[in-house]
C-alpha atoms as a PDB file:
ATOM      1  CA  LYS A   1       3.505  13.661 -30.908  1.00  0.00           C
ATOM      2  CA  LYS A   2       5.958  14.204 -28.140  1.00  0.00           C
ATOM      3  CA  GLN A   3       6.009  13.145 -24.510  1.00  0.00           C
ATOM      4  CA  THR A   4       7.197  15.429 -21.864  1.00  0.00           C
ATOM      5  CA  GLY A   5       7.509  15.418 -18.094  1.00  0.00           C
ATOM      6  CA  GLY A   6       9.709  12.303 -17.726  1.00  0.00           C
ATOM      7  CA  HIS A   7       9.132   8.587 -18.165  1.00  0.00           C
ATOM      8  CA  GLY A   8       5.991   6.653 -17.262  1.00  0.00           C
ATOM      9  CA  GLN A   9       5.910   3.195 -15.743  1.00  0.00           C
ATOM     10  CA  PHE A  10       5.070   0.406 -18.090  1.00  0.00           C
ATOM     11  CA  ALA A  11       5.301  -3.411 -17.543  1.00  0.00           C
ATOM     12  CA  ARG A  12       3.148  -6.333 -18.407  1.00  0.00           C
ATOM     13  CA  VAL A  13       3.608  -9.763 -16.901  1.00  0.00           C
ATOM     14  CA  ALA A  14       1.718 -13.041 -17.107  1.00  0.00           C
ATOM     15  CA  VAL A  15       2.233 -15.329 -14.172  1.00  0.00           C
ATOM     16  CA  LYS A  16       0.873 -18.896 -13.704  1.00  0.00           C
ATOM     17  CA  VAL A  17       0.207 -19.852 -10.103  1.00  0.00           C
ATOM     18  CA  GLU A  18      -0.096 -23.533  -9.116  1.00  0.00           C
ATOM     19  CA  PRO A  19      -0.015 -25.437  -5.842  1.00  0.00           C
ATOM     20  CA  LEU A  20       2.917 -27.504  -4.592  1.00  0.00           C
ATOM     21  CA  PRO A  21       2.823 -30.531  -2.264  1.00  0.00           C
ATOM     22  CA  ARG A  22       2.420 -29.590   1.403  1.00  0.00           C
ATOM     23  CA  GLY A  23       5.796 -28.590   2.883  1.00  0.00           C
ATOM     24  CA  ALA A  24       7.433 -27.820  -0.504  1.00  0.00           C
ATOM     25  CA  GLY A  25       7.832 -24.067   0.196  1.00  0.00           C
ATOM     26  CA  ARG A  26       7.833 -21.536  -2.690  1.00  0.00           C
ATOM     27  CA  GLU A  27       9.229 -21.665  -6.206  1.00  0.00           C
ATOM     28  CA  PHE A  28       9.708 -19.266  -9.080  1.00  0.00           C
ATOM     29  CA  GLU A  29      10.446 -20.176 -12.713  1.00  0.00           C
ATOM     30  CA  ASN A  30      11.033 -18.089 -15.800  1.00  0.00           C
ATOM     31  CA  LYS A  31       9.587 -19.739 -18.917  1.00  0.00           C
ATOM     32  CA  THR A  32       9.488 -16.731 -21.194  1.00  0.00           C
ATOM     33  CA  VAL A  33      11.045 -16.978 -24.625  1.00  0.00           C
ATOM     34  CA  GLY A  34      12.114 -14.416 -27.265  1.00  0.00           C
ATOM     35  CA  GLY A  35      13.017 -11.784 -24.724  1.00  0.00           C
ATOM     36  CA  VAL A  36       9.388 -10.701 -24.159  1.00  0.00           C
ATOM     37  CA  VAL A  37      10.605  -9.879 -20.629  1.00  0.00           C
ATOM     38  CA  PRO A  38      14.198  -8.665 -20.985  1.00  0.00           C
ATOM     39  CA  LYS A  39      16.665 -10.550 -18.773  1.00  0.00           C
ATOM     40  CA  GLN A  40      17.512  -7.449 -16.782  1.00  0.00           C
ATOM     41  CA  TYR A  41      13.923  -7.394 -15.546  1.00  0.00           C
ATOM     42  CA  VAL A  42      13.410 -11.032 -14.637  1.00  0.00           C
ATOM     43  CA  GLY A  43      15.129 -10.538 -11.277  1.00  0.00           C
ATOM     44  CA  SER A  44      12.620  -7.685 -10.525  1.00  0.00           C
ATOM     45  CA  VAL A  45       9.733  -9.973 -11.469  1.00  0.00           C
ATOM     46  CA  GLU A  46      10.947 -12.631  -9.107  1.00  0.00           C
ATOM     47  CA  LYS A  47      11.421 -10.096  -6.339  1.00  0.00           C
ATOM     48  CA  GLY A  48       7.852  -8.835  -6.793  1.00  0.00           C
ATOM     49  CA  VAL A  49       6.488 -12.348  -6.805  1.00  0.00           C
ATOM     50  CA  THR A  50       8.453 -13.319  -3.671  1.00  0.00           C
ATOM     51  CA  GLU A  51       7.427 -10.160  -1.800  1.00  0.00           C
ATOM     52  CA  ALA A  52       3.744 -10.810  -2.701  1.00  0.00           C
ATOM     53  CA  MET A  53       3.994 -14.424  -1.458  1.00  0.00           C
ATOM     54  CA  LEU A  54       5.398 -13.190   1.873  1.00  0.00           C
ATOM     55  CA  GLU A  55       2.714 -10.555   2.235  1.00  0.00           C
ATOM     56  CA  GLY A  56       0.003 -13.106   1.398  1.00  0.00           C
ATOM     57  CA  VAL A  57      -3.670 -12.589   0.370  1.00  0.00           C
ATOM     58  CA  LEU A  58      -5.610 -14.169   3.290  1.00  0.00           C
ATOM     59  CA  ALA A  59      -5.295 -12.037   6.477  1.00  0.00           C
ATOM     60  CA  HIS A  60      -1.800 -11.202   5.128  1.00  0.00           C
ATOM     61  CA  TYR A  61      -0.289 -14.504   6.235  1.00  0.00           C
ATOM     62  CA  PRO A  62       2.610 -15.737   3.949  1.00  0.00           C
ATOM     63  CA  LEU A  63       1.704 -17.961   0.989  1.00  0.00           C
ATOM     64  CA  VAL A  64       3.435 -21.399   1.072  1.00  0.00           C
ATOM     65  CA  ASP A  65       3.549 -24.485  -1.100  1.00  0.00           C
ATOM     66  CA  LEU A  66       3.077 -22.418  -4.240  1.00  0.00           C
ATOM     67  CA  LYS A  67       4.861 -22.135  -7.611  1.00  0.00           C
ATOM     68  CA  ALA A  68       4.876 -18.951  -9.753  1.00  0.00           C
ATOM     69  CA  THR A  69       5.784 -19.307 -13.353  1.00  0.00           C
ATOM     70  CA  LEU A  70       6.512 -16.198 -15.533  1.00  0.00           C
ATOM     71  CA  TYR A  71       5.402 -17.207 -18.976  1.00  0.00           C
ATOM     72  CA  ASP A  72       4.730 -13.980 -20.904  1.00  0.00           C
ATOM     73  CA  GLY A  73       5.162 -10.281 -20.667  1.00  0.00           C
ATOM     74  CA  LYS A  74       5.812  -7.019 -22.483  1.00  0.00           C
ATOM     75  CA  GLU A  75       8.159  -4.104 -22.105  1.00  0.00           C
ATOM     76  CA  HIS A  76       8.287  -0.478 -23.341  1.00  0.00           C
ATOM     77  CA  PRO A  77      11.639   0.747 -24.559  1.00  0.00           C
ATOM     78  CA  VAL A  78      11.184   4.068 -22.660  1.00  0.00           C
ATOM     79  CA  ASP A  79       8.774   3.565 -19.891  1.00  0.00           C
ATOM     80  CA  SER A  80       9.776   0.145 -18.534  1.00  0.00           C
ATOM     81  CA  SER A  81      11.852  -0.110 -15.344  1.00  0.00           C
ATOM     82  CA  ASP A  82      12.753  -2.521 -12.520  1.00  0.00           C
ATOM     83  CA  ILE A  83      10.208  -1.030 -10.250  1.00  0.00           C
ATOM     84  CA  ALA A  84       7.428  -1.282 -12.891  1.00  0.00           C
ATOM     85  CA  PHE A  85       8.105  -5.008 -13.456  1.00  0.00           C
ATOM     86  CA  LYS A  86       8.355  -5.608  -9.727  1.00  0.00           C
ATOM     87  CA  ILE A  87       4.931  -3.968  -9.054  1.00  0.00           C
ATOM     88  CA  ALA A  88       3.303  -5.707 -12.030  1.00  0.00           C
ATOM     89  CA  ALA A  89       4.575  -9.093 -10.848  1.00  0.00           C
ATOM     90  CA  SER A  90       3.351  -8.482  -7.334  1.00  0.00           C
ATOM     91  CA  MET A  91      -0.121  -7.598  -8.569  1.00  0.00           C
ATOM     92  CA  ALA A  92      -0.201 -10.589 -10.974  1.00  0.00           C
ATOM     93  CA  LEU A  93       0.733 -13.076  -8.146  1.00  0.00           C
ATOM     94  CA  LYS A  94      -1.852 -11.702  -5.789  1.00  0.00           C
ATOM     95  CA  ASN A  95      -4.600 -11.795  -8.449  1.00  0.00           C
ATOM     96  CA  GLY A  96      -3.635 -15.365  -9.372  1.00  0.00           C
ATOM     97  CA  ALA A  97      -3.537 -16.495  -5.786  1.00  0.00           C
ATOM     98  CA  GLN A  98      -6.936 -15.031  -5.063  1.00  0.00           C
ATOM     99  CA  ASP A  99      -8.430 -16.720  -8.067  1.00  0.00           C
ATOM    100  CA  ALA A 100      -6.904 -20.062  -6.904  1.00  0.00           C
ATOM    101  CA  LYS A 101      -9.115 -19.974  -3.715  1.00  0.00           C
ATOM    102  CA  PRO A 102      -6.313 -20.112  -1.072  1.00  0.00           C
ATOM    103  CA  VAL A 103      -6.884 -21.584   2.357  1.00  0.00           C
ATOM    104  CA  LEU A 104      -5.446 -20.793   5.777  1.00  0.00           C
ATOM    105  CA  LEU A 105      -3.190 -23.363   7.371  1.00  0.00           C
ATOM    106  CA  GLU A 106      -2.499 -23.707  11.045  1.00  0.00           C
ATOM    107  CA  PRO A 107       0.113 -25.724  13.054  1.00  0.00           C
ATOM    108  CA  ILE A 108      -1.089 -29.003  14.547  1.00  0.00           C
ATOM    109  CA  MET A 109       0.557 -30.097  17.762  1.00  0.00           C
ATOM    110  CA  ASN A 110       1.156 -33.620  19.230  1.00  0.00           C
ATOM    111  CA  MET A 111       0.135 -33.731  22.849  1.00  0.00           C
ATOM    112  CA  GLN A 112       0.840 -36.274  25.568  1.00  0.00           C
ATOM    113  CA  ILE A 113      -1.238 -35.457  28.655  1.00  0.00           C
ATOM    114  CA  THR A 114      -0.850 -37.383  31.998  1.00  0.00           C
ATOM    115  CA  ILE A 115      -3.630 -36.710  34.503  1.00  0.00           C
ATOM    116  CA  PRO A 116      -5.303 -38.333  37.497  1.00  0.00           C
ATOM    117  CA  GLU A 117      -7.783 -40.921  36.359  1.00  0.00           C
ATOM    118  CA  ALA A 118     -10.621 -38.948  38.077  1.00  0.00           C
ATOM    119  CA  ASN A 119     -10.044 -35.961  35.755  1.00  0.00           C
ATOM    120  CA  THR A 120     -10.152 -37.966  32.499  1.00  0.00           C
ATOM    121  CA  GLY A 121     -13.695 -37.004  31.620  1.00  0.00           C
ATOM    122  CA  ASP A 122     -13.176 -33.255  32.097  1.00  0.00           C
ATOM    123  CA  VAL A 123      -9.894 -33.269  30.086  1.00  0.00           C
ATOM    124  CA  ILE A 124     -11.374 -35.170  27.215  1.00  0.00           C
ATOM    125  CA  SER A 125     -14.437 -32.871  27.063  1.00  0.00           C
ATOM    126  CA  ASP A 126     -12.126 -29.829  27.179  1.00  0.00           C
ATOM    127  CA  LEU A 127     -10.021 -31.280  24.346  1.00  0.00           C
ATOM    128  CA  ASN A 128     -13.098 -31.819  22.241  1.00  0.00           C
ATOM    129  CA  GLY A 129     -14.013 -28.232  22.705  1.00  0.00           C
ATOM    130  CA  LYS A 130     -10.560 -27.229  21.409  1.00  0.00           C
ATOM    131  CA  ARG A 131     -10.915 -29.029  18.050  1.00  0.00           C
ATOM    132  CA  ALA A 132      -8.553 -31.709  19.231  1.00  0.00           C
ATOM    133  CA  ARG A 133      -8.402 -35.434  18.188  1.00  0.00           C
ATOM    134  CA  VAL A 134      -7.932 -37.887  20.923  1.00  0.00           C
ATOM    135  CA  LEU A 135      -5.706 -40.719  19.515  1.00  0.00           C
ATOM    136  CA  GLY A 136      -5.619 -42.989  22.553  1.00  0.00           C
ATOM    137  CA  MET A 137      -5.664 -43.419  26.332  1.00  0.00           C
ATOM    138  CA  THR A 138      -3.342 -45.517  28.530  1.00  0.00           C
ATOM    139  CA  PRO A 139      -4.220 -46.126  32.230  1.00  0.00           C
ATOM    140  CA  GLN A 140      -1.191 -46.114  34.544  1.00  0.00           C
ATOM    141  CA  GLY A 141      -2.290 -46.952  38.049  1.00  0.00           C
ATOM    142  CA  THR A 142      -4.194 -43.953  39.358  1.00  0.00           C
ATOM    143  CA  MET A 143      -3.076 -41.814  36.337  1.00  0.00           C
ATOM    144  CA  THR A 144      -4.136 -41.821  32.675  1.00  0.00           C
ATOM    145  CA  THR A 145      -1.968 -40.693  29.656  1.00  0.00           C
ATOM    146  CA  ILE A 146      -3.944 -39.279  26.771  1.00  0.00           C
ATOM    147  CA  GLU A 147      -2.402 -39.011  23.267  1.00  0.00           C
ATOM    148  CA  ALA A 148      -3.992 -36.268  21.246  1.00  0.00           C
ATOM    149  CA  GLU A 149      -3.539 -33.732  18.357  1.00  0.00           C
ATOM    150  CA  ALA A 150      -4.760 -30.179  18.571  1.00  0.00           C
ATOM    151  CA  PRO A 151      -4.400 -26.902  16.746  1.00  0.00           C
ATOM    152  CA  LEU A 152      -1.826 -24.638  18.444  1.00  0.00           C
ATOM    153  CA  ALA A 153      -4.204 -21.758  18.420  1.00  0.00           C
ATOM    154  CA  GLU A 154      -6.444 -23.673  20.715  1.00  0.00           C
ATOM    155  CA  VAL A 155      -3.881 -24.883  23.286  1.00  0.00           C
ATOM    156  CA  GLN A 156      -1.458 -21.889  23.701  1.00  0.00           C
ATOM    157  CA  ARG A 157      -2.751 -21.507  27.249  1.00  0.00           C
ATOM    158  CA  TYR A 158      -3.078 -25.162  28.079  1.00  0.00           C
ATOM    159  CA  SER A 159      -0.917 -25.044  31.156  1.00  0.00           C
ATOM    160  CA  ALA A 160      -3.488 -22.800  32.889  1.00  0.00           C
ATOM    161  CA  ASP A 161      -6.400 -25.000  31.687  1.00  0.00           C
ATOM    162  CA  MET A 162      -4.847 -28.126  32.929  1.00  0.00           C
ATOM    163  CA  ARG A 163      -4.001 -26.678  36.368  1.00  0.00           C
ATOM    164  CA  SER A 164      -7.604 -25.659  36.712  1.00  0.00           C
ATOM    165  CA  MET A 165      -8.958 -29.066  35.770  1.00  0.00           C
ATOM    166  CA  THR A 166      -6.543 -31.139  37.750  1.00  0.00           C
ATOM    167  CA  GLN A 167      -5.760 -28.843  40.704  1.00  0.00           C
ATOM    168  CA  GLY A 168      -2.149 -28.796  39.523  1.00  0.00           C
ATOM    169  CA  ARG A 169      -1.749 -32.577  39.402  1.00  0.00           C
ATOM    170  CA  GLY A 170      -1.532 -33.041  35.621  1.00  0.00           C
ATOM    171  CA  GLN A 171       1.336 -32.552  33.186  1.00  0.00           C
ATOM    172  CA  PHE A 172       1.691 -32.585  29.428  1.00  0.00           C
ATOM    173  CA  THR A 173       4.208 -32.320  26.548  1.00  0.00           C
ATOM    174  CA  MET A 174       3.552 -30.708  23.213  1.00  0.00           C
ATOM    175  CA  SER A 175       5.519 -30.862  19.931  1.00  0.00           C
ATOM    176  CA  PHE A 176       4.840 -29.677  16.342  1.00  0.00           C
ATOM    177  CA  SER A 177       3.340 -32.216  13.968  1.00  0.00           C
ATOM    178  CA  ARG A 178       2.245 -30.616  10.727  1.00  0.00           C
ATOM    179  CA  TYR A 179       0.101 -27.914   9.110  1.00  0.00           C
ATOM    180  CA  GLU A 180      -3.571 -28.459   8.329  1.00  0.00           C
ATOM    181  CA  GLU A 181      -6.299 -26.415   6.716  1.00  0.00           C
ATOM    182  CA  VAL A 182      -8.183 -24.243   9.115  1.00  0.00           C
ATOM    183  CA  PRO A 183     -11.972 -25.111   9.120  1.00  0.00           C
ATOM    184  CA  ALA A 184     -13.940 -22.535   7.220  1.00  0.00           C
ATOM    185  CA  HIS A 185     -15.859 -21.053  10.215  1.00  0.00           C
ATOM    186  CA  ALA A 186     -12.685 -20.611  12.151  1.00  0.00           C
ATOM    187  CA  ALA A 187     -10.781 -19.252   9.190  1.00  0.00           C
ATOM    188  CA  GLN A 188     -13.295 -16.471   8.701  1.00  0.00           C
ATOM    189  CA  LYS A 189     -12.885 -15.394  12.313  1.00  0.00           C
ATOM    190  CA  VAL A 190      -9.062 -15.239  11.867  1.00  0.00           C
ATOM    191  CA  ILE A 191      -9.386 -13.199   8.726  1.00  0.00           C
ATOM    192  CA  GLU A 192     -11.806 -10.769  10.293  1.00  0.00           C
ATOM    193  CA  ALA A 193      -9.675 -10.348  13.429  1.00  0.00           C
ATOM    194  CA  ALA A 194      -6.527  -9.662  11.213  1.00  0.00           C
ATOM    195  CA  GLU A 195      -8.350  -7.106   9.194  1.00  0.00           C
ATOM    196  CA  LYS A 196      -9.490  -5.277  12.324  1.00  0.00           C
ATOM    197  CA  GLU A 197      -5.902  -5.268  13.669  1.00  0.00           C
ATOM    198  CA  ARG A 198      -4.684  -3.731  10.349  1.00  0.00           C
ATOM    199  CA  GLU A 199      -7.294  -1.086  10.396  1.00  0.00           C
ATOM    200  CA  ALA A 200      -6.585  -0.240  14.047  1.00  0.00           C
ATOM    201  CA  ALA A 201      -2.825   0.006  13.219  1.00  0.00           C
ATOM    202  CA  LYS A 202      -3.629   2.675  10.612  1.00  0.00           C
ATOM    203  CA  VAL A 203      -5.352   4.928  13.134  1.00  0.00           C
END
């Protein structure tokens, strides 16, 4: 038999996906032996894996704290190419990440809020509605300082909220603390909103 019409695209890769400690970033390791994936294609595999991590699988947010290990593969002497191995690696990483049940992470902010004592109840109630955790309160004369943690998504417009609750007499500072898993009910809303945005962008 003869093949005509140019080369096909053949590549087979086996990638192990495993979590890393929070904040560890992304890693790639090649553990193949015996040249099952020729050296000239390993770079393409890593590129495909990295691009898939950056594109993500949940609402297309980047994957973090993840290690991908290339442990097996197969080439074709005629039909294999860099692009074939890159695409195969990207698909393998996405399939593996989906099977690993990924979760969405969100930035958690440290907040220090100083307000008139009379507004304390309203501010605490508002924070509770923003999925915040109140860590402590310190009275200072007619003012009260509240220490809290809150998801950034809930407090991006906190300046306006505070002005409304304190008639402009409150102030606050906010700094990044860490990433935490988004609660399931909130994560589903984020995913649905992201998918709607992607669909709208296609129109």
